[in-house]
Amino acid sequence: MTNKQKIPNNLKFTLRSLRVRVGMKQEQAAELLGISVMTLRALERDSSKIDYSMILKIEEIYHIPQDYIFFGNNTAFSVILKNGKE
């Protein structure tokens, strides 16, 4: 984003929701990302320790800026949304 506004969490997507949104199976997405299906499954559960080069690949494959992607634990994301916290 050009301005440094914070995107609210309720406007962000998890890695799994992005993959489903573009209609890809885990095998397809893993191949495009250059990782194993097991690694993709792990990242879809918790992407808090993902490296920047992978973030750039995810942006490209899922056609969405990183500002709109939630990087973290999916359980934490669910709690944040449920409680309405940023």
Protein backbone atom coordinates (compact mmCIF):
# COMPACT_ATOMS: atom_id res chain seq x y z
CA MET A 1 0.00 0.00 0.00
CA THR A 2 1.23 3.46 -0.76
CA ASN A 3 -0.12 5.01 2.41
CA LYS A 4 0.69 3.32 5.68
CA GLN A 5 -2.88 2.61 6.73
CA LYS A 6 -3.39 -0.59 8.64
CA ILE A 7 -5.75 -3.02 6.94
CA PRO A 8 -8.33 -4.31 9.45
CA ASN A 9 -8.02 -8.03 10.14
CA ASN A 10 -11.60 -8.64 9.04
CA LEU A 11 -10.54 -7.62 5.51
CA LYS A 12 -7.63 -10.05 5.42
CA PHE A 13 -7.51 -13.58 4.07
CA THR A 14 -5.82 -16.67 5.48
CA LEU A 15 -3.59 -18.67 3.15
CA ARG A 16 -6.16 -21.46 3.01
CA SER A 17 -9.01 -19.09 2.16
CA LEU A 18 -6.92 -17.56 -0.64
CA ARG A 19 -6.16 -20.96 -2.13
CA VAL A 20 -9.81 -21.98 -2.00
CA ARG A 21 -10.84 -18.58 -3.38
CA VAL A 22 -8.80 -19.14 -6.55
CA GLY A 23 -10.01 -22.73 -6.87
CA MET A 24 -6.71 -24.54 -6.29
CA LYS A 25 -6.13 -27.85 -4.61
CA GLN A 26 -3.28 -28.05 -2.12
CA GLU A 27 -1.22 -30.05 -4.60
CA GLN A 28 -1.53 -27.37 -7.28
CA ALA A 29 -0.71 -24.50 -4.94
CA ALA A 30 2.24 -26.35 -3.40
CA GLU A 31 3.70 -27.04 -6.85
CA LEU A 32 3.37 -23.38 -7.90
CA LEU A 33 4.94 -22.25 -4.63
CA GLY A 34 7.77 -24.76 -4.98
CA ILE A 35 7.05 -26.49 -1.67
CA SER A 36 5.69 -29.84 -0.55
CA VAL A 37 2.02 -30.36 0.23
CA MET A 38 2.97 -31.03 3.86
CA THR A 39 4.75 -27.67 4.03
CA LEU A 40 1.74 -25.91 2.52
CA ARG A 41 -0.56 -27.58 5.05
CA ALA A 42 1.68 -26.38 7.86
CA LEU A 43 1.74 -22.83 6.45
CA GLU A 44 -2.04 -22.83 6.10
CA ARG A 45 -2.30 -23.64 9.83
CA ASP A 46 0.36 -21.18 10.96
CA SER A 47 2.12 -18.75 8.63
CA SER A 48 3.68 -16.62 11.36
CA LYS A 49 7.25 -17.64 10.51
CA ILE A 50 7.02 -17.46 6.73
CA ASP A 51 9.97 -15.91 4.90
CA TYR A 52 9.62 -12.86 2.69
CA SER A 53 10.46 -14.66 -0.56
CA MET A 54 7.49 -16.98 0.07
CA ILE A 55 5.25 -13.99 0.76
CA LEU A 56 6.16 -12.60 -2.65
CA LYS A 57 5.34 -15.93 -4.31
CA ILE A 58 2.00 -16.04 -2.50
CA GLU A 59 1.16 -12.52 -3.69
CA GLU A 60 1.89 -13.54 -7.26
CA ILE A 61 0.08 -16.87 -7.26
CA TYR A 62 -3.03 -15.71 -5.39
CA HIS A 63 -3.10 -12.25 -7.05
CA ILE A 64 -3.44 -10.26 -3.84
CA PRO A 65 -1.18 -7.74 -2.06
CA GLN A 66 0.46 -8.98 1.14
CA ASP A 67 -1.35 -6.29 3.13
CA TYR A 68 -4.55 -8.29 2.63
CA ILE A 69 -3.07 -11.59 3.79
CA PHE A 70 -3.16 -12.68 7.42
CA PHE A 71 0.19 -14.14 8.44
CA GLY A 72 -0.09 -15.95 11.73
CA ASN A 73 -1.88 -18.74 13.50
CA ASN A 74 -5.35 -19.50 12.11
CA THR A 75 -6.72 -20.09 15.59
CA ALA A 76 -5.56 -16.62 16.63
CA PHE A 77 -7.16 -15.17 13.48
CA SER A 78 -10.51 -16.78 14.35
CA VAL A 79 -10.37 -15.38 17.89
CA ILE A 80 -9.45 -11.91 16.62
CA LEU A 81 -12.40 -11.90 14.23
CA LYS A 82 -14.79 -13.30 16.82
CA ASN A 83 -13.83 -10.67 19.37
CA GLY A 84 -13.65 -7.86 16.83
CA LYS A 85 -10.10 -6.98 17.87
CA GLU A 86 -7.39 -5.62 15.59
